[in-house]
Every structure is written in C-alpha cells, then in structure tokens.
C-alpha cells in the first residue's frame, strides 16, 4: 500500500506506528474504569475527542496525543522500545 501511495519507508513506518498507537488508545479507553469525561480532564482535552478516539472517528490526532493517552491510562512506562 505504501508503494501505491508513493510513501517513503519512513513515512510508511510513521503511518503504521500511528495506526498501532490509535488502536491501542481506543482499546484502553474502552477498557478503562474511567469515564470519557474523567480521561479528558486528565488529558486536558474534550470528552467528545476522547469518545471519537475510542470509536476511531478522530482524523486529526497527533502521535504525541496518542502517546499521552496511553501513558495516562497505562502509566508512563507503557511504551517500551527494543534496542
């Protein structure tokens, strides 16, 4: 697909990474014991934005916001990198 879109390897990697972060964020929101309102308050964003992310309806979300969301719901060591 990346070739069809004319993406570089780096762009394809970033697209894949963002998709994985989005999927993880959505799953964490749905599994959370917190309400969308409580999560939004912790994140400094709106309840409706959290709801849209949970339902894969948010098109304009940054990687930084997704990482912040994961860290908020799983703890700051939620994302680990392999050497």
PDB file of N, CA and C in Angstrom:
ATOM      1  N   UNK A   1       0.821  -1.187   0.000  1.00  0.00           N
ATOM      2  CA  UNK A   1       0.000   0.000   0.000  1.00  0.00           C
ATOM      3  C   UNK A   1       0.870   1.257   0.000  1.00  0.00           C
ATOM      4  N   UNK A   2       1.968   1.214   0.757  1.00  0.00           N
ATOM      5  CA  UNK A   2       2.849   2.381   0.836  1.00  0.00           C
ATOM      6  C   UNK A   2       3.387   2.748  -0.539  1.00  0.00           C
ATOM      7  N   UNK A   3       3.712   1.728  -1.337  1.00  0.00           N
ATOM      8  CA  UNK A   3       4.208   1.987  -2.694  1.00  0.00           C
ATOM      9  C   UNK A   3       3.129   2.634  -3.543  1.00  0.00           C
ATOM     10  N   UNK A   4       1.896   2.152  -3.408  1.00  0.00           N
ATOM     11  CA  UNK A   4       0.785   2.711  -4.180  1.00  0.00           C
ATOM     12  C   UNK A   4       0.549   4.182  -3.830  1.00  0.00           C
ATOM     13  N   UNK A   5       0.806   4.546  -2.580  1.00  0.00           N
ATOM     14  CA  UNK A   5       0.620   5.923  -2.145  1.00  0.00           C
ATOM     15  C   UNK A   5       1.860   6.778  -2.381  1.00  0.00           C
ATOM     16  N   UNK A   6       2.928   6.153  -2.813  1.00  0.00           N
ATOM     17  CA  UNK A   6       4.165   6.889  -3.061  1.00  0.00           C
ATOM     18  C   UNK A   6       4.860   7.330  -1.785  1.00  0.00           C
ATOM     19  N   UNK A   7       4.701   6.545  -0.723  1.00  0.00           N
ATOM     20  CA  UNK A   7       5.307   6.894   0.562  1.00  0.00           C
ATOM     21  C   UNK A   7       6.738   6.382   0.651  1.00  0.00           C
ATOM     22  N   UNK A   8       7.554   7.139   1.343  1.00  0.00           N
ATOM     23  CA  UNK A   8       8.898   6.658   1.641  1.00  0.00           C
ATOM     24  C   UNK A   8       8.787   5.596   2.730  1.00  0.00           C
ATOM     25  N   UNK A   9       9.862   4.872   2.956  1.00  0.00           N
ATOM     26  CA  UNK A   9       9.861   3.866   4.020  1.00  0.00           C
ATOM     27  C   UNK A   9       9.585   4.504   5.378  1.00  0.00           C
ATOM     28  N   UNK A  10      10.158   5.683   5.594  1.00  0.00           N
ATOM     29  CA  UNK A  10       9.953   6.381   6.866  1.00  0.00           C
ATOM     30  C   UNK A  10       8.494   6.813   7.012  1.00  0.00           C
ATOM     31  N   UNK A  11       7.910   7.353   5.953  1.00  0.00           N
ATOM     32  CA  UNK A  11       6.502   7.760   6.007  1.00  0.00           C
ATOM     33  C   UNK A  11       5.596   6.557   6.249  1.00  0.00           C
ATOM     34  N   UNK A  12       5.894   5.439   5.623  1.00  0.00           N
ATOM     35  CA  UNK A  12       5.107   4.224   5.814  1.00  0.00           C
ATOM     36  C   UNK A  12       5.219   3.737   7.259  1.00  0.00           C
ATOM     37  N   UNK A  13       6.430   3.804   7.798  1.00  0.00           N
ATOM     38  CA  UNK A  13       6.645   3.412   9.187  1.00  0.00           C
ATOM     39  C   UNK A  13       5.847   4.305  10.136  1.00  0.00           C
ATOM     40  N   UNK A  14       5.886   5.607   9.902  1.00  0.00           N
ATOM     41  CA  UNK A  14       5.144   6.546  10.752  1.00  0.00           C
ATOM     42  C   UNK A  14       3.644   6.293  10.671  1.00  0.00           C
ATOM     43  N   UNK A  15       3.160   5.994   9.489  1.00  0.00           N
ATOM     44  CA  UNK A  15       1.732   5.712   9.305  1.00  0.00           C
ATOM     45  C   UNK A  15       1.341   4.445  10.077  1.00  0.00           C
ATOM     46  N   UNK A  16       2.172   3.426   9.990  1.00  0.00           N
ATOM     47  CA  UNK A  16       1.908   2.174  10.698  1.00  0.00           C
ATOM     48  C   UNK A  16       1.976   2.376  12.213  1.00  0.00           C
ATOM     49  N   UNK A  17       2.974   3.120  12.677  1.00  0.00           N
ATOM     50  CA  UNK A  17       3.117   3.403  14.100  1.00  0.00           C
ATOM     51  C   UNK A  17       1.896   4.150  14.628  1.00  0.00           C
ATOM     52  N   UNK A  18       1.463   5.160  13.911  1.00  0.00           N
ATOM     53  CA  UNK A  18       0.299   5.935  14.339  1.00  0.00           C
ATOM     54  C   UNK A  18      -0.943   5.058  14.393  1.00  0.00           C
ATOM     55  N   UNK A  19      -1.113   4.175  13.425  1.00  0.00           N
ATOM     56  CA  UNK A  19      -2.271   3.274  13.414  1.00  0.00           C
ATOM     57  C   UNK A  19      -2.251   2.347  14.627  1.00  0.00           C
ATOM     58  N   UNK A  20      -1.079   1.847  14.984  1.00  0.00           N
ATOM     59  CA  UNK A  20      -0.969   0.963  16.145  1.00  0.00           C
ATOM     60  C   UNK A  20      -1.242   1.724  17.445  1.00  0.00           C
ATOM     61  N   UNK A  21      -0.721   2.937  17.549  1.00  0.00           N
ATOM     62  CA  UNK A  21      -0.974   3.758  18.733  1.00  0.00           C
ATOM     63  C   UNK A  21      -2.456   4.099  18.848  1.00  0.00           C
ATOM     64  N   UNK A  22      -3.076   4.380  17.724  1.00  0.00           N
ATOM     65  CA  UNK A  22      -4.511   4.713  17.705  1.00  0.00           C
ATOM     66  C   UNK A  22      -5.334   3.515  18.176  1.00  0.00           C
ATOM     67  N   UNK A  23      -5.019   2.332  17.653  1.00  0.00           N
ATOM     68  CA  UNK A  23      -5.744   1.120  18.029  1.00  0.00           C
ATOM     69  C   UNK A  23      -5.587   0.832  19.517  1.00  0.00           C
ATOM     70  N   UNK A  24      -4.358   0.979  20.010  1.00  0.00           N
ATOM     71  CA  UNK A  24      -4.107   0.748  21.437  1.00  0.00           C
ATOM     72  C   UNK A  24      -4.851   1.775  22.289  1.00  0.00           C
ATOM     73  N   UNK A  25      -4.831   3.033  21.882  1.00  0.00           N
ATOM     74  CA  UNK A  25      -5.528   4.084  22.614  1.00  0.00           C
ATOM     75  C   UNK A  25      -7.020   3.792  22.696  1.00  0.00           C
ATOM     76  N   UNK A  26      -7.597   3.420  21.576  1.00  0.00           N
ATOM     77  CA  UNK A  26      -9.021   3.110  21.525  1.00  0.00           C
ATOM     78  C   UNK A  26      -9.363   1.964  22.477  1.00  0.00           C
ATOM     79  N   UNK A  27      -8.555   0.915  22.445  1.00  0.00           N
ATOM     80  CA  UNK A  27      -8.803  -0.239  23.310  1.00  0.00           C
ATOM     81  C   UNK A  27      -8.676   0.136  24.781  1.00  0.00           C
ATOM     82  N   UNK A  28      -7.683   0.954  25.111  1.00  0.00           N
ATOM     83  CA  UNK A  28      -7.507   1.367  26.503  1.00  0.00           C
ATOM     84  C   UNK A  28      -8.671   2.218  26.996  1.00  0.00           C
ATOM     85  N   UNK A  29      -9.149   3.107  26.161  1.00  0.00           N
ATOM     86  CA  UNK A  29     -10.303   3.930  26.542  1.00  0.00           C
ATOM     87  C   UNK A  29     -11.502   3.041  26.818  1.00  0.00           C
ATOM     88  N   UNK A  30     -11.759   2.099  25.916  1.00  0.00           N
ATOM     89  CA  UNK A  30     -12.923   1.216  26.068  1.00  0.00           C
ATOM     90  C   UNK A  30     -12.809   0.323  27.299  1.00  0.00           C
ATOM     91  N   UNK A  31     -11.584  -0.090  27.652  1.00  0.00           N
ATOM     92  CA  UNK A  31     -11.381  -0.983  28.799  1.00  0.00           C
ATOM     93  C   UNK A  31     -11.217  -0.235  30.122  1.00  0.00           C
ATOM     94  N   UNK A  32     -11.100   1.062  30.067  1.00  0.00           N
ATOM     95  CA  UNK A  32     -10.824   1.855  31.258  1.00  0.00           C
ATOM     96  C   UNK A  32     -12.004   1.886  32.220  1.00  0.00           C
ATOM     97  N   UNK A  33     -11.663   1.967  33.489  1.00  0.00           N
ATOM     98  CA  UNK A  33     -12.698   2.122  34.522  1.00  0.00           C
ATOM     99  C   UNK A  33     -13.147   3.574  34.632  1.00  0.00           C
ATOM    100  N   UNK A  34     -12.433   4.466  33.944  1.00  0.00           N
ATOM    101  CA  UNK A  34     -12.755   5.891  33.973  1.00  0.00           C
ATOM    102  C   UNK A  34     -13.756   6.254  32.875  1.00  0.00           C
ATOM    103  N   UNK A  35     -14.525   7.285  33.112  1.00  0.00           N
ATOM    104  CA  UNK A  35     -15.437   7.785  32.088  1.00  0.00           C
ATOM    105  C   UNK A  35     -14.638   8.587  31.065  1.00  0.00           C
ATOM    106  N   UNK A  36     -15.231   8.822  29.918  1.00  0.00           N
ATOM    107  CA  UNK A  36     -14.582   9.645  28.900  1.00  0.00           C
ATOM    108  C   UNK A  36     -14.328  11.049  29.446  1.00  0.00           C
ATOM    109  N   UNK A  37     -15.233  11.530  30.256  1.00  0.00           N
ATOM    110  CA  UNK A  37     -15.083  12.846  30.878  1.00  0.00           C
ATOM    111  C   UNK A  37     -13.863  12.879  31.806  1.00  0.00           C
ATOM    112  N   UNK A  38     -13.687  11.841  32.613  1.00  0.00           N
ATOM    113  CA  UNK A  38     -12.548  11.785  33.527  1.00  0.00           C
ATOM    114  C   UNK A  38     -11.221  11.695  32.760  1.00  0.00           C
ATOM    115  N   UNK A  39     -11.192  10.886  31.729  1.00  0.00           N
ATOM    116  CA  UNK A  39      -9.980  10.761  30.906  1.00  0.00           C
ATOM    117  C   UNK A  39      -9.662  12.101  30.255  1.00  0.00           C
ATOM    118  N   UNK A  40     -10.667  12.736  29.704  1.00  0.00           N
ATOM    119  CA  UNK A  40     -10.477  14.031  29.044  1.00  0.00           C
ATOM    120  C   UNK A  40      -9.918  15.059  30.019  1.00  0.00           C
ATOM    121  N   UNK A  41     -10.438  15.069  31.227  1.00  0.00           N
ATOM    122  CA  UNK A  41      -9.964  16.017  32.242  1.00  0.00           C
ATOM    123  C   UNK A  41      -8.482  15.774  32.552  1.00  0.00           C
ATOM    124  N   UNK A  42      -8.102  14.511  32.710  1.00  0.00           N
ATOM    125  CA  UNK A  42      -6.701  14.164  32.982  1.00  0.00           C
ATOM    126  C   UNK A  42      -5.794  14.574  31.818  1.00  0.00           C
ATOM    127  N   UNK A  43      -6.326  14.500  30.605  1.00  0.00           N
ATOM    128  CA  UNK A  43      -5.547  14.775  29.402  1.00  0.00           C
ATOM    129  C   UNK A  43      -5.541  16.247  29.011  1.00  0.00           C
ATOM    130  N   UNK A  44      -6.507  16.991  29.528  1.00  0.00           N
ATOM    131  CA  UNK A  44      -6.622  18.388  29.128  1.00  0.00           C
ATOM    132  C   UNK A  44      -7.232  18.553  27.753  1.00  0.00           C
ATOM    133  N   UNK A  45      -8.182  17.675  27.434  1.00  0.00           N
ATOM    134  CA  UNK A  45      -8.876  17.738  26.150  1.00  0.00           C
ATOM    135  C   UNK A  45     -10.373  17.563  26.398  1.00  0.00           C
ATOM    136  N   UNK A  46     -11.137  17.447  25.334  1.00  0.00           N
ATOM    137  CA  UNK A  46     -12.592  17.352  25.492  1.00  0.00           C
ATOM    138  C   UNK A  46     -13.069  15.900  25.573  1.00  0.00           C
ATOM    139  N   UNK A  47     -14.214  15.722  26.232  1.00  0.00           N
ATOM    140  CA  UNK A  47     -14.836  14.412  26.316  1.00  0.00           C
ATOM    141  C   UNK A  47     -15.183  13.893  24.930  1.00  0.00           C
ATOM    142  N   UNK A  48     -15.666  14.785  24.076  1.00  0.00           N
ATOM    143  CA  UNK A  48     -16.054  14.349  22.733  1.00  0.00           C
ATOM    144  C   UNK A  48     -14.845  13.858  21.932  1.00  0.00           C
ATOM    145  N   UNK A  49     -13.694  14.455  22.155  1.00  0.00           N
ATOM    146  CA  UNK A  49     -12.491  13.998  21.443  1.00  0.00           C
ATOM    147  C   UNK A  49     -12.101  12.596  21.911  1.00  0.00           C
ATOM    148  N   UNK A  50     -12.175  12.358  23.213  1.00  0.00           N
ATOM    149  CA  UNK A  50     -11.879  11.023  23.747  1.00  0.00           C
ATOM    150  C   UNK A  50     -12.868  10.011  23.177  1.00  0.00           C
ATOM    151  N   UNK A  51     -14.139  10.377  23.096  1.00  0.00           N
ATOM    152  CA  UNK A  51     -15.154   9.481  22.528  1.00  0.00           C
ATOM    153  C   UNK A  51     -14.861   9.175  21.061  1.00  0.00           C
ATOM    154  N   UNK A  52     -14.443  10.208  20.312  1.00  0.00           N
ATOM    155  CA  UNK A  52     -14.123   9.985  18.893  1.00  0.00           C
ATOM    156  C   UNK A  52     -12.910   9.074  18.738  1.00  0.00           C
ATOM    157  N   UNK A  53     -11.910   9.242  19.586  1.00  0.00           N
ATOM    158  CA  UNK A  53     -10.736   8.357  19.512  1.00  0.00           C
ATOM    159  C   UNK A  53     -11.149   6.927  19.848  1.00  0.00           C
ATOM    160  N   UNK A  54     -11.965   6.756  20.870  1.00  0.00           N
ATOM    161  CA  UNK A  54     -12.426   5.421  21.260  1.00  0.00           C
ATOM    162  C   UNK A  54     -13.157   4.719  20.127  1.00  0.00           C
ATOM    163  N   UNK A  55     -13.867   5.490  19.327  1.00  0.00           N
ATOM    164  CA  UNK A  55     -14.671   4.924  18.234  1.00  0.00           C
ATOM    165  C   UNK A  55     -14.014   5.068  16.863  1.00  0.00           C
ATOM    166  N   UNK A  56     -12.725   5.370  16.843  1.00  0.00           N
ATOM    167  CA  UNK A  56     -11.963   5.545  15.594  1.00  0.00           C
ATOM    168  C   UNK A  56     -12.605   6.584  14.682  1.00  0.00           C
ATOM    169  N   UNK A  57     -13.095   7.662  15.272  1.00  0.00           N
ATOM    170  CA  UNK A  57     -13.739   8.707  14.492  1.00  0.00           C
ATOM    171  C   UNK A  57     -12.989  10.024  14.483  1.00  0.00           C
ATOM    172  N   UNK A  58     -11.780  10.021  15.033  1.00  0.00           N
ATOM    173  CA  UNK A  58     -10.975  11.244  15.100  1.00  0.00           C
ATOM    174  C   UNK A  58      -9.895  11.171  14.034  1.00  0.00           C
ATOM    175  N   UNK A  59      -9.947  12.057  13.063  1.00  0.00           N
ATOM    176  CA  UNK A  59      -8.988  12.032  11.966  1.00  0.00           C
ATOM    177  C   UNK A  59      -7.742  12.859  12.242  1.00  0.00           C
ATOM    178  N   UNK A  60      -7.860  13.867  13.055  1.00  0.00           N
ATOM    179  CA  UNK A  60      -6.766  14.800  13.270  1.00  0.00           C
ATOM    180  C   UNK A  60      -6.217  14.628  14.680  1.00  0.00           C
ATOM    181  N   UNK A  61      -5.519  13.532  14.904  1.00  0.00           N
ATOM    182  CA  UNK A  61      -4.943  13.267  16.223  1.00  0.00           C
ATOM    183  C   UNK A  61      -3.441  13.046  16.052  1.00  0.00           C
ATOM    184  N   UNK A  62      -2.670  13.683  16.906  1.00  0.00           N
ATOM    185  CA  UNK A  62      -1.216  13.585  16.795  1.00  0.00           C
ATOM    186  C   UNK A  62      -0.694  12.338  17.502  1.00  0.00           C
ATOM    187  N   UNK A  63       0.482  11.928  17.082  1.00  0.00           N
ATOM    188  CA  UNK A  63       1.155  10.818  17.749  1.00  0.00           C
ATOM    189  C   UNK A  63       1.405  11.185  19.206  1.00  0.00           C
ATOM    190  N   UNK A  64       1.745  12.439  19.448  1.00  0.00           N
ATOM    191  CA  UNK A  64       2.006  12.887  20.810  1.00  0.00           C
ATOM    192  C   UNK A  64       0.780  12.714  21.710  1.00  0.00           C
ATOM    193  N   UNK A  65      -0.398  13.059  21.189  1.00  0.00           N
ATOM    194  CA  UNK A  65      -1.625  12.904  21.978  1.00  0.00           C
ATOM    195  C   UNK A  65      -1.906  11.431  22.249  1.00  0.00           C
ATOM    196  N   UNK A  66      -1.681  10.589  21.266  1.00  0.00           N
ATOM    197  CA  UNK A  66      -1.911   9.154  21.457  1.00  0.00           C
ATOM    198  C   UNK A  66      -0.966   8.588  22.514  1.00  0.00           C
ATOM    199  N   UNK A  67       0.293   8.996  22.471  1.00  0.00           N
ATOM    200  CA  UNK A  67       1.252   8.536  23.476  1.00  0.00           C
ATOM    201  C   UNK A  67       0.846   9.048  24.860  1.00  0.00           C
ATOM    202  N   UNK A  68       0.425  10.291  24.950  1.00  0.00           N
ATOM    203  CA  UNK A  68      -0.019  10.855  26.230  1.00  0.00           C
ATOM    204  C   UNK A  68      -1.225  10.086  26.760  1.00  0.00           C
ATOM    205  N   UNK A  69      -2.137   9.738  25.885  1.00  0.00           N
ATOM    206  CA  UNK A  69      -3.320   8.975  26.275  1.00  0.00           C
ATOM    207  C   UNK A  69      -2.934   7.595  26.804  1.00  0.00           C
ATOM    208  N   UNK A  70      -2.053   6.916  26.101  1.00  0.00           N
ATOM    209  CA  UNK A  70      -1.590   5.596  26.539  1.00  0.00           C
ATOM    210  C   UNK A  70      -0.879   5.706  27.890  1.00  0.00           C
ATOM    211  N   UNK A  71      -0.007   6.685  28.026  1.00  0.00           N
ATOM    212  CA  UNK A  71       0.720   6.869  29.285  1.00  0.00           C
ATOM    213  C   UNK A  71      -0.231   7.222  30.425  1.00  0.00           C
ATOM    214  N   UNK A  72      -1.258   7.992  30.147  1.00  0.00           N
ATOM    215  CA  UNK A  72      -2.243   8.359  31.165  1.00  0.00           C
ATOM    216  C   UNK A  72      -3.001   7.128  31.653  1.00  0.00           C
ATOM    217  N   UNK A  73      -3.376   6.256  30.738  1.00  0.00           N
ATOM    218  CA  UNK A  73      -4.197   5.103  31.108  1.00  0.00           C
ATOM    219  C   UNK A  73      -3.392   3.883  31.544  1.00  0.00           C
ATOM    220  N   UNK A  74      -2.136   3.769  31.085  1.00  0.00           N
ATOM    221  CA  UNK A  74      -1.325   2.601  31.430  1.00  0.00           C
ATOM    222  C   UNK A  74      -0.148   2.932  32.331  1.00  0.00           C
ATOM    223  N   UNK A  75       0.192   4.174  32.464  1.00  0.00           N
ATOM    224  CA  UNK A  75       1.367   4.565  33.243  1.00  0.00           C
ATOM    225  C   UNK A  75       2.484   4.997  32.309  1.00  0.00           C
ATOM    226  N   UNK A  76       3.421   5.740  32.841  1.00  0.00           N
ATOM    227  CA  UNK A  76       4.443   6.365  31.989  1.00  0.00           C
ATOM    228  C   UNK A  76       5.389   5.366  31.336  1.00  0.00           C
ATOM    229  N   UNK A  77       5.437   4.137  31.819  1.00  0.00           N
ATOM    230  CA  UNK A  77       6.306   3.124  31.209  1.00  0.00           C
ATOM    231  C   UNK A  77       5.530   2.229  30.245  1.00  0.00           C
ATOM    232  N   UNK A  78       4.410   2.722  29.735  1.00  0.00           N
ATOM    233  CA  UNK A  78       3.538   1.917  28.892  1.00  0.00           C
ATOM    234  C   UNK A  78       4.159   1.579  27.543  1.00  0.00           C
ATOM    235  N   UNK A  79       5.029   2.413  27.045  1.00  0.00           N
ATOM    236  CA  UNK A  79       5.620   2.186  25.740  1.00  0.00           C
ATOM    237  C   UNK A  79       7.103   1.927  25.916  1.00  0.00           C
ATOM    238  N   UNK A  80       7.542   0.776  25.422  1.00  0.00           N
ATOM    239  CA  UNK A  80       8.943   0.402  25.542  1.00  0.00           C
ATOM    240  C   UNK A  80       9.518   0.207  24.152  1.00  0.00           C
ATOM    241  N   UNK A  81      10.781   0.531  24.019  1.00  0.00           N
ATOM    242  CA  UNK A  81      11.462   0.400  22.740  1.00  0.00           C
ATOM    243  C   UNK A  81      12.533  -0.685  22.848  1.00  0.00           C
ATOM    244  N   UNK A  82      12.606  -1.494  21.817  1.00  0.00           N
ATOM    245  CA  UNK A  82      13.639  -2.534  21.776  1.00  0.00           C
ATOM    246  C   UNK A  82      14.916  -1.926  21.210  1.00  0.00           C
ATOM    247  N   UNK A  83      16.025  -2.447  21.680  1.00  0.00           N
ATOM    248  CA  UNK A  83      17.326  -1.944  21.204  1.00  0.00           C
ATOM    249  C   UNK A  83      17.621  -2.419  19.802  1.00  0.00           C
TER     250      UNK A  83
END
